[in-house]
Amino acid sequence: NRFMHTDAQYFFGILDSLMDLINADVEKIH
């Protein structure tokens, strides 16, 4: 839900999509 401007945003965006698949904890600092 936001524009992608930096390569870091791309990195964490792709990583987020994989973390969704493993049901990662959104309340935890990883």
PDB file of all heavy atoms in Angstrom:
ATOM      1  N   ASN A   1       0.810  -1.214   0.000  1.00  0.00           N
ATOM      2  CA  ASN A   1       0.000   0.000   0.000  1.00  0.00           C
ATOM      3  C   ASN A   1       0.847   1.269   0.000  1.00  0.00           C
ATOM      4  O   ASN A   1       0.503   2.267   0.631  1.00  0.00           O
ATOM      5  CB  ASN A   1      -0.961   0.005   1.187  1.00  0.00           C
ATOM      6  CG  ASN A   1      -2.074  -1.011   1.028  1.00  0.00           C
ATOM      7  OD1 ASN A   1      -2.864  -0.948   0.104  1.00  0.00           O
ATOM      8  ND2 ASN A   1      -2.113  -1.981   1.938  1.00  0.00           N
ATOM      9  N   ARG A   2       1.962   1.238  -0.669  1.00  0.00           N
ATOM     10  CA  ARG A   2       2.776   2.424  -0.846  1.00  0.00           C
ATOM     11  C   ARG A   2       3.679   2.249  -2.056  1.00  0.00           C
ATOM     12  O   ARG A   2       3.954   1.138  -2.494  1.00  0.00           O
ATOM     13  CB  ARG A   2       3.612   2.701   0.391  1.00  0.00           C
ATOM     14  CG  ARG A   2       4.720   1.704   0.678  1.00  0.00           C
ATOM     15  CD  ARG A   2       5.371   2.010   2.040  1.00  0.00           C
ATOM     16  NE  ARG A   2       5.703   3.390   2.175  1.00  0.00           N
ATOM     17  CZ  ARG A   2       5.529   4.099   3.312  1.00  0.00           C
ATOM     18  NH1 ARG A   2       5.073   3.517   4.377  1.00  0.00           N
ATOM     19  NH2 ARG A   2       5.846   5.378   3.372  1.00  0.00           N
ATOM     20  N   PHE A   3       4.114   3.360  -2.608  1.00  0.00           N
ATOM     21  CA  PHE A   3       4.998   3.330  -3.754  1.00  0.00           C
ATOM     22  C   PHE A   3       6.366   2.798  -3.341  1.00  0.00           C
ATOM     23  O   PHE A   3       6.800   2.948  -2.205  1.00  0.00           O
ATOM     24  CB  PHE A   3       5.133   4.724  -4.374  1.00  0.00           C
ATOM     25  CG  PHE A   3       3.866   5.240  -4.986  1.00  0.00           C
ATOM     26  CD1 PHE A   3       3.163   6.264  -4.377  1.00  0.00           C
ATOM     27  CD2 PHE A   3       3.371   4.709  -6.160  1.00  0.00           C
ATOM     28  CE1 PHE A   3       1.978   6.735  -4.921  1.00  0.00           C
ATOM     29  CE2 PHE A   3       2.186   5.179  -6.720  1.00  0.00           C
ATOM     30  CZ  PHE A   3       1.497   6.183  -6.098  1.00  0.00           C
ATOM     31  N   MET A   4       7.017   2.167  -4.301  1.00  0.00           N
ATOM     32  CA  MET A   4       8.364   1.652  -4.088  1.00  0.00           C
ATOM     33  C   MET A   4       9.367   2.649  -4.640  1.00  0.00           C
ATOM     34  O   MET A   4       9.372   2.937  -5.848  1.00  0.00           O
ATOM     35  CB  MET A   4       8.534   0.298  -4.788  1.00  0.00           C
ATOM     36  CG  MET A   4       7.592  -0.805  -4.285  1.00  0.00           C
ATOM     37  SD  MET A   4       8.063  -1.411  -2.646  1.00  0.00           S
ATOM     38  CE  MET A   4       6.602  -0.931  -1.718  1.00  0.00           C
ATOM     39  N   HIS A   5      10.207   3.222  -3.782  1.00  0.00           N
ATOM     40  CA  HIS A   5      11.179   4.218  -4.210  1.00  0.00           C
ATOM     41  C   HIS A   5      12.617   3.745  -4.074  1.00  0.00           C
ATOM     42  O   HIS A   5      13.478   4.150  -4.842  1.00  0.00           O
ATOM     43  CB  HIS A   5      11.005   5.513  -3.404  1.00  0.00           C
ATOM     44  CG  HIS A   5       9.701   6.208  -3.648  1.00  0.00           C
ATOM     45  ND1 HIS A   5       9.312   6.648  -4.892  1.00  0.00           N
ATOM     46  CD2 HIS A   5       8.701   6.528  -2.807  1.00  0.00           C
ATOM     47  CE1 HIS A   5       8.121   7.224  -4.802  1.00  0.00           C
ATOM     48  NE2 HIS A   5       7.729   7.155  -3.552  1.00  0.00           N
ATOM     49  N   THR A   6      12.915   2.939  -3.100  1.00  0.00           N
ATOM     50  CA  THR A   6      14.291   2.542  -2.812  1.00  0.00           C
ATOM     51  C   THR A   6      14.458   1.045  -2.973  1.00  0.00           C
ATOM     52  O   THR A   6      13.490   0.277  -2.883  1.00  0.00           O
ATOM     53  CB  THR A   6      14.696   2.939  -1.382  1.00  0.00           C
ATOM     54  OG1 THR A   6      13.944   2.147  -0.435  1.00  0.00           O
ATOM     55  CG2 THR A   6      14.413   4.418  -1.121  1.00  0.00           C
ATOM     56  N   ASP A   7      15.709   0.641  -3.191  1.00  0.00           N
ATOM     57  CA  ASP A   7      15.943  -0.793  -3.313  1.00  0.00           C
ATOM     58  C   ASP A   7      15.654  -1.517  -1.996  1.00  0.00           C
ATOM     59  O   ASP A   7      15.248  -2.683  -1.991  1.00  0.00           O
ATOM     60  CB  ASP A   7      17.352  -1.087  -3.821  1.00  0.00           C
ATOM     61  CG  ASP A   7      18.442  -0.566  -2.913  1.00  0.00           C
ATOM     62  OD1 ASP A   7      18.138   0.286  -2.069  1.00  0.00           O
ATOM     63  OD2 ASP A   7      19.607  -1.001  -3.058  1.00  0.00           O
ATOM     64  N   ALA A   8      15.807  -0.830  -0.850  1.00  0.00           N
ATOM     65  CA  ALA A   8      15.480  -1.441   0.441  1.00  0.00           C
ATOM     66  C   ALA A   8      13.983  -1.743   0.533  1.00  0.00           C
ATOM     67  O   ALA A   8      13.587  -2.781   1.076  1.00  0.00           O
ATOM     68  CB  ALA A   8      15.908  -0.533   1.588  1.00  0.00           C
ATOM     69  N   GLN A   9      13.133  -0.848   0.013  1.00  0.00           N
ATOM     70  CA  GLN A   9      11.701  -1.100   0.007  1.00  0.00           C
ATOM     71  C   GLN A   9      11.366  -2.321  -0.839  1.00  0.00           C
ATOM     72  O   GLN A   9      10.501  -3.126  -0.481  1.00  0.00           O
ATOM     73  CB  GLN A   9      10.952   0.133  -0.496  1.00  0.00           C
ATOM     74  CG  GLN A   9      10.959   1.296   0.480  1.00  0.00           C
ATOM     75  CD  GLN A   9      10.333   2.546  -0.094  1.00  0.00           C
ATOM     76  OE1 GLN A   9      10.395   2.802  -1.300  1.00  0.00           O
ATOM     77  NE2 GLN A   9       9.735   3.367   0.765  1.00  0.00           N
ATOM     78  N   TYR A  10      12.055  -2.470  -1.967  1.00  0.00           N
ATOM     79  CA  TYR A  10      11.864  -3.657  -2.786  1.00  0.00           C
ATOM     80  C   TYR A  10      12.297  -4.911  -2.021  1.00  0.00           C
ATOM     81  O   TYR A  10      11.603  -5.936  -2.026  1.00  0.00           O
ATOM     82  CB  TYR A  10      12.661  -3.544  -4.090  1.00  0.00           C
ATOM     83  CG  TYR A  10      11.997  -2.729  -5.171  1.00  0.00           C
ATOM     84  CD1 TYR A  10      12.206  -1.363  -5.267  1.00  0.00           C
ATOM     85  CD2 TYR A  10      11.175  -3.329  -6.107  1.00  0.00           C
ATOM     86  CE1 TYR A  10      11.612  -0.605  -6.270  1.00  0.00           C
ATOM     87  CE2 TYR A  10      10.573  -2.580  -7.119  1.00  0.00           C
ATOM     88  CZ  TYR A  10      10.800  -1.230  -7.189  1.00  0.00           C
ATOM     89  OH  TYR A  10      10.191  -0.483  -8.179  1.00  0.00           O
ATOM     90  N   PHE A  11      13.439  -4.827  -1.355  1.00  0.00           N
ATOM     91  CA  PHE A  11      13.967  -5.977  -0.615  1.00  0.00           C
ATOM     92  C   PHE A  11      12.975  -6.448   0.443  1.00  0.00           C
ATOM     93  O   PHE A  11      12.610  -7.621   0.494  1.00  0.00           O
ATOM     94  CB  PHE A  11      15.305  -5.610   0.022  1.00  0.00           C
ATOM     95  CG  PHE A  11      15.877  -6.689   0.907  1.00  0.00           C
ATOM     96  CD1 PHE A  11      16.606  -7.732   0.360  1.00  0.00           C
ATOM     97  CD2 PHE A  11      15.676  -6.669   2.283  1.00  0.00           C
ATOM     98  CE1 PHE A  11      17.135  -8.740   1.168  1.00  0.00           C
ATOM     99  CE2 PHE A  11      16.199  -7.660   3.096  1.00  0.00           C
ATOM    100  CZ  PHE A  11      16.920  -8.702   2.529  1.00  0.00           C
ATOM    101  N   PHE A  12      12.542  -5.528   1.284  1.00  0.00           N
ATOM    102  CA  PHE A  12      11.637  -5.919   2.360  1.00  0.00           C
ATOM    103  C   PHE A  12      10.245  -6.259   1.830  1.00  0.00           C
ATOM    104  O   PHE A  12       9.536  -7.060   2.438  1.00  0.00           O
ATOM    105  CB  PHE A  12      11.573  -4.825   3.420  1.00  0.00           C
ATOM    106  CG  PHE A  12      12.818  -4.740   4.261  1.00  0.00           C
ATOM    107  CD1 PHE A  12      13.666  -3.649   4.168  1.00  0.00           C
ATOM    108  CD2 PHE A  12      13.148  -5.764   5.131  1.00  0.00           C
ATOM    109  CE1 PHE A  12      14.822  -3.582   4.927  1.00  0.00           C
ATOM    110  CE2 PHE A  12      14.317  -5.700   5.894  1.00  0.00           C
ATOM    111  CZ  PHE A  12      15.155  -4.605   5.791  1.00  0.00           C
ATOM    112  N   GLY A  13       9.850  -5.668   0.706  1.00  0.00           N
ATOM    113  CA  GLY A  13       8.576  -6.027   0.109  1.00  0.00           C
ATOM    114  C   GLY A  13       8.530  -7.477  -0.328  1.00  0.00           C
ATOM    115  O   GLY A  13       7.564  -8.202  -0.063  1.00  0.00           O
ATOM    116  N   ILE A  14       9.579  -7.923  -1.024  1.00  0.00           N
ATOM    117  CA  ILE A  14       9.651  -9.323  -1.443  1.00  0.00           C
ATOM    118  C   ILE A  14       9.765 -10.235  -0.226  1.00  0.00           C
ATOM    119  O   ILE A  14       9.112 -11.281  -0.148  1.00  0.00           O
ATOM    120  CB  ILE A  14      10.832  -9.544  -2.403  1.00  0.00           C
ATOM    121  CG1 ILE A  14      10.654  -8.689  -3.669  1.00  0.00           C
ATOM    122  CG2 ILE A  14      10.945 -11.023  -2.792  1.00  0.00           C
ATOM    123  CD1 ILE A  14      11.884  -8.649  -4.562  1.00  0.00           C
ATOM    124  N   LEU A  15      10.577  -9.821   0.744  1.00  0.00           N
ATOM    125  CA  LEU A  15      10.736 -10.615   1.958  1.00  0.00           C
ATOM    126  C   LEU A  15       9.407 -10.729   2.710  1.00  0.00           C
ATOM    127  O   LEU A  15       9.069 -11.802   3.233  1.00  0.00           O
ATOM    128  CB  LEU A  15      11.811  -9.994   2.847  1.00  0.00           C
ATOM    129  CG  LEU A  15      12.307 -10.825   4.042  1.00  0.00           C
ATOM    130  CD1 LEU A  15      12.824 -12.185   3.591  1.00  0.00           C
ATOM    131  CD2 LEU A  15      13.403 -10.065   4.787  1.00  0.00           C
ATOM    132  N   ASP A  16       8.637  -9.636   2.764  1.00  0.00           N
ATOM    133  CA  ASP A  16       7.317  -9.668   3.395  1.00  0.00           C
ATOM    134  C   ASP A  16       6.428 -10.744   2.762  1.00  0.00           C
ATOM    135  O   ASP A  16       5.707 -11.464   3.458  1.00  0.00           O
ATOM    136  CB  ASP A  16       6.622  -8.312   3.265  1.00  0.00           C
ATOM    137  CG  ASP A  16       7.076  -7.304   4.307  1.00  0.00           C
ATOM    138  OD1 ASP A  16       7.842  -7.676   5.218  1.00  0.00           O
ATOM    139  OD2 ASP A  16       6.671  -6.125   4.198  1.00  0.00           O
ATOM    140  N   SER A  17       6.451 -10.830   1.435  1.00  0.00           N
ATOM    141  CA  SER A  17       5.588 -11.786   0.740  1.00  0.00           C
ATOM    142  C   SER A  17       5.936 -13.223   1.115  1.00  0.00           C
ATOM    143  O   SER A  17       5.049 -14.078   1.197  1.00  0.00           O
ATOM    144  CB  SER A  17       5.690 -11.591  -0.779  1.00  0.00           C
ATOM    145  OG  SER A  17       6.950 -12.023  -1.288  1.00  0.00           O
ATOM    146  N   LEU A  18       7.214 -13.491   1.354  1.00  0.00           N
ATOM    147  CA  LEU A  18       7.634 -14.830   1.773  1.00  0.00           C
ATOM    148  C   LEU A  18       7.317 -15.071   3.248  1.00  0.00           C
ATOM    149  O   LEU A  18       6.955 -16.183   3.646  1.00  0.00           O
ATOM    150  CB  LEU A  18       9.129 -15.009   1.511  1.00  0.00           C
ATOM    151  CG  LEU A  18       9.532 -15.043   0.029  1.00  0.00           C
ATOM    152  CD1 LEU A  18      11.036 -14.909  -0.121  1.00  0.00           C
ATOM    153  CD2 LEU A  18       9.051 -16.334  -0.630  1.00  0.00           C
ATOM    154  N   MET A  19       7.414 -14.027   4.058  1.00  0.00           N
ATOM    155  CA  MET A  19       7.093 -14.155   5.474  1.00  0.00           C
ATOM    156  C   MET A  19       5.606 -14.410   5.689  1.00  0.00           C
ATOM    157  O   MET A  19       5.215 -15.079   6.647  1.00  0.00           O
ATOM    158  CB  MET A  19       7.558 -12.922   6.235  1.00  0.00           C
ATOM    159  CG  MET A  19       9.073 -12.778   6.274  1.00  0.00           C
ATOM    160  SD  MET A  19       9.647 -11.270   7.081  1.00  0.00           S
ATOM    161  CE  MET A  19       9.277 -11.624   8.814  1.00  0.00           C
ATOM    162  N   ASP A  20       4.775 -13.867   4.802  1.00  0.00           N
ATOM    163  CA  ASP A  20       3.348 -14.171   4.863  1.00  0.00           C
ATOM    164  C   ASP A  20       3.109 -15.673   4.716  1.00  0.00           C
ATOM    165  O   ASP A  20       2.229 -16.243   5.371  1.00  0.00           O
ATOM    166  CB  ASP A  20       2.592 -13.427   3.765  1.00  0.00           C
ATOM    167  CG  ASP A  20       2.377 -11.955   4.071  1.00  0.00           C
ATOM    168  OD1 ASP A  20       2.483 -11.566   5.255  1.00  0.00           O
ATOM    169  OD2 ASP A  20       2.101 -11.184   3.122  1.00  0.00           O
ATOM    170  N   LEU A  21       3.891 -16.313   3.865  1.00  0.00           N
ATOM    171  CA  LEU A  21       3.717 -17.743   3.600  1.00  0.00           C
ATOM    172  C   LEU A  21       4.096 -18.609   4.792  1.00  0.00           C
ATOM    173  O   LEU A  21       3.576 -19.716   4.937  1.00  0.00           O
ATOM    174  CB  LEU A  21       4.535 -18.165   2.375  1.00  0.00           C
ATOM    175  CG  LEU A  21       4.114 -17.558   1.027  1.00  0.00           C
ATOM    176  CD1 LEU A  21       5.081 -18.003  -0.058  1.00  0.00           C
ATOM    177  CD2 LEU A  21       2.695 -17.978   0.673  1.00  0.00           C
ATOM    178  N   ILE A  22       5.004 -18.117   5.638  1.00  0.00           N
ATOM    179  CA  ILE A  22       5.420 -18.903   6.799  1.00  0.00           C
ATOM    180  C   ILE A  22       4.729 -18.422   8.072  1.00  0.00           C
ATOM    181  O   ILE A  22       5.104 -18.833   9.176  1.00  0.00           O
ATOM    182  CB  ILE A  22       6.953 -18.889   6.976  1.00  0.00           C
ATOM    183  CG1 ILE A  22       7.459 -17.475   7.298  1.00  0.00           C
ATOM    184  CG2 ILE A  22       7.644 -19.434   5.731  1.00  0.00           C
ATOM    185  CD1 ILE A  22       8.936 -17.442   7.692  1.00  0.00           C
ATOM    186  N   ASN A  23       3.721 -17.546   7.897  1.00  0.00           N
ATOM    187  CA  ASN A  23       2.947 -17.041   9.031  1.00  0.00           C
ATOM    188  C   ASN A  23       3.843 -16.409  10.098  1.00  0.00           C
ATOM    189  O   ASN A  23       3.748 -16.716  11.292  1.00  0.00           O
ATOM    190  CB  ASN A  23       2.099 -18.162   9.651  1.00  0.00           C
ATOM    191  CG  ASN A  23       1.064 -18.717   8.690  1.00  0.00           C
ATOM    192  OD1 ASN A  23       0.353 -17.966   8.031  1.00  0.00           O
ATOM    193  ND2 ASN A  23       1.004 -20.048   8.584  1.00  0.00           N
ATOM    194  N   ALA A  24       4.704 -15.517   9.663  1.00  0.00           N
ATOM    195  CA  ALA A  24       5.614 -14.831  10.579  1.00  0.00           C
ATOM    196  C   ALA A  24       4.833 -13.931  11.535  1.00  0.00           C
ATOM    197  O   ALA A  24       3.712 -13.499  11.241  1.00  0.00           O
ATOM    198  CB  ALA A  24       6.639 -14.022   9.796  1.00  0.00           C
ATOM    199  N   ASP A  25       5.431 -13.651  12.660  1.00  0.00           N
ATOM    200  CA  ASP A  25       4.803 -12.861  13.716  1.00  0.00           C
ATOM    201  C   ASP A  25       4.997 -11.374  13.430  1.00  0.00           C
ATOM    202  O   ASP A  25       6.124 -10.874  13.412  1.00  0.00           O
ATOM    203  CB  ASP A  25       5.415 -13.227  15.065  1.00  0.00           C
ATOM    204  CG  ASP A  25       4.684 -12.596  16.248  1.00  0.00           C
ATOM    205  OD1 ASP A  25       3.810 -11.727  16.025  1.00  0.00           O
ATOM    206  OD2 ASP A  25       4.991 -12.965  17.396  1.00  0.00           O
ATOM    207  N   VAL A  26       3.886 -10.653  13.210  1.00  0.00           N
ATOM    208  CA  VAL A  26       3.965  -9.236  12.881  1.00  0.00           C
ATOM    209  C   VAL A  26       4.285  -8.390  14.115  1.00  0.00           C
ATOM    210  O   VAL A  26       4.684  -7.222  13.978  1.00  0.00           O
ATOM    211  CB  VAL A  26       2.639  -8.768  12.234  1.00  0.00           C
ATOM    212  CG1 VAL A  26       1.521  -8.642  13.273  1.00  0.00           C
ATOM    213  CG2 VAL A  26       2.824  -7.469  11.462  1.00  0.00           C
ATOM    214  N   GLU A  27       4.147  -8.939  15.306  1.00  0.00           N
ATOM    215  CA  GLU A  27       4.437  -8.192  16.528  1.00  0.00           C
ATOM    216  C   GLU A  27       5.888  -8.354  16.988  1.00  0.00           C
ATOM    217  O   GLU A  27       6.300  -7.699  17.949  1.00  0.00           O
ATOM    218  CB  GLU A  27       3.514  -8.667  17.652  1.00  0.00           C
ATOM    219  CG  GLU A  27       2.034  -8.419  17.416  1.00  0.00           C
ATOM    220  CD  GLU A  27       1.174  -8.886  18.557  1.00  0.00           C
ATOM    221  OE1 GLU A  27       1.395  -8.415  19.691  1.00  0.00           O
ATOM    222  OE2 GLU A  27       0.301  -9.753  18.347  1.00  0.00           O
ATOM    223  N   LYS A  28       6.642  -9.163  16.327  1.00  0.00           N
ATOM    224  CA  LYS A  28       8.004  -9.469  16.749  1.00  0.00           C
ATOM    225  C   LYS A  28       9.012  -8.634  15.969  1.00  0.00           C
ATOM    226  O   LYS A  28       8.791  -8.280  14.815  1.00  0.00           O
ATOM    227  CB  LYS A  28       8.289 -10.959  16.527  1.00  0.00           C
ATOM    228  CG  LYS A  28       9.658 -11.428  16.956  1.00  0.00           C
ATOM    229  CD  LYS A  28       9.818 -12.925  16.707  1.00  0.00           C
ATOM    230  CE  LYS A  28      11.220 -13.392  17.088  1.00  0.00           C
ATOM    231  NZ  LYS A  28      11.406 -14.849  16.810  1.00  0.00           N
ATOM    232  N   ILE A  29      10.126  -8.311  16.619  1.00  0.00           N
ATOM    233  CA  ILE A  29      11.250  -7.683  15.927  1.00  0.00           C
ATOM    234  C   ILE A  29      12.186  -8.802  15.485  1.00  0.00           C
ATOM    235  O   ILE A  29      12.784  -9.502  16.303  1.00  0.00           O
ATOM    236  CB  ILE A  29      11.986  -6.679  16.831  1.00  0.00           C
ATOM    237  CG1 ILE A  29      11.022  -5.578  17.292  1.00  0.00           C
ATOM    238  CG2 ILE A  29      13.167  -6.063  16.085  1.00  0.00           C
ATOM    239  CD1 ILE A  29      11.640  -4.585  18.255  1.00  0.00           C
ATOM    240  N   HIS A  30      12.315  -8.981  14.177  1.00  0.00           N
ATOM    241  CA  HIS A  30      13.068 -10.087  13.605  1.00  0.00           C
ATOM    242  C   HIS A  30      14.497  -9.675  13.271  1.00  0.00           C
ATOM    243  O   HIS A  30      14.837  -8.485  13.243  1.00  0.00           O
ATOM    244  CB  HIS A  30      12.386 -10.582  12.326  1.00  0.00           C
ATOM    245  CG  HIS A  30      10.961 -11.015  12.505  1.00  0.00           C
ATOM    246  ND1 HIS A  30      10.602 -12.306  12.835  1.00  0.00           N
ATOM    247  CD2 HIS A  30       9.785 -10.332  12.394  1.00  0.00           C
ATOM    248  CE1 HIS A  30       9.285 -12.397  12.914  1.00  0.00           C
ATOM    249  NE2 HIS A  30       8.767 -11.205  12.649  1.00  0.00           N
TER     250      HIS A  30
END
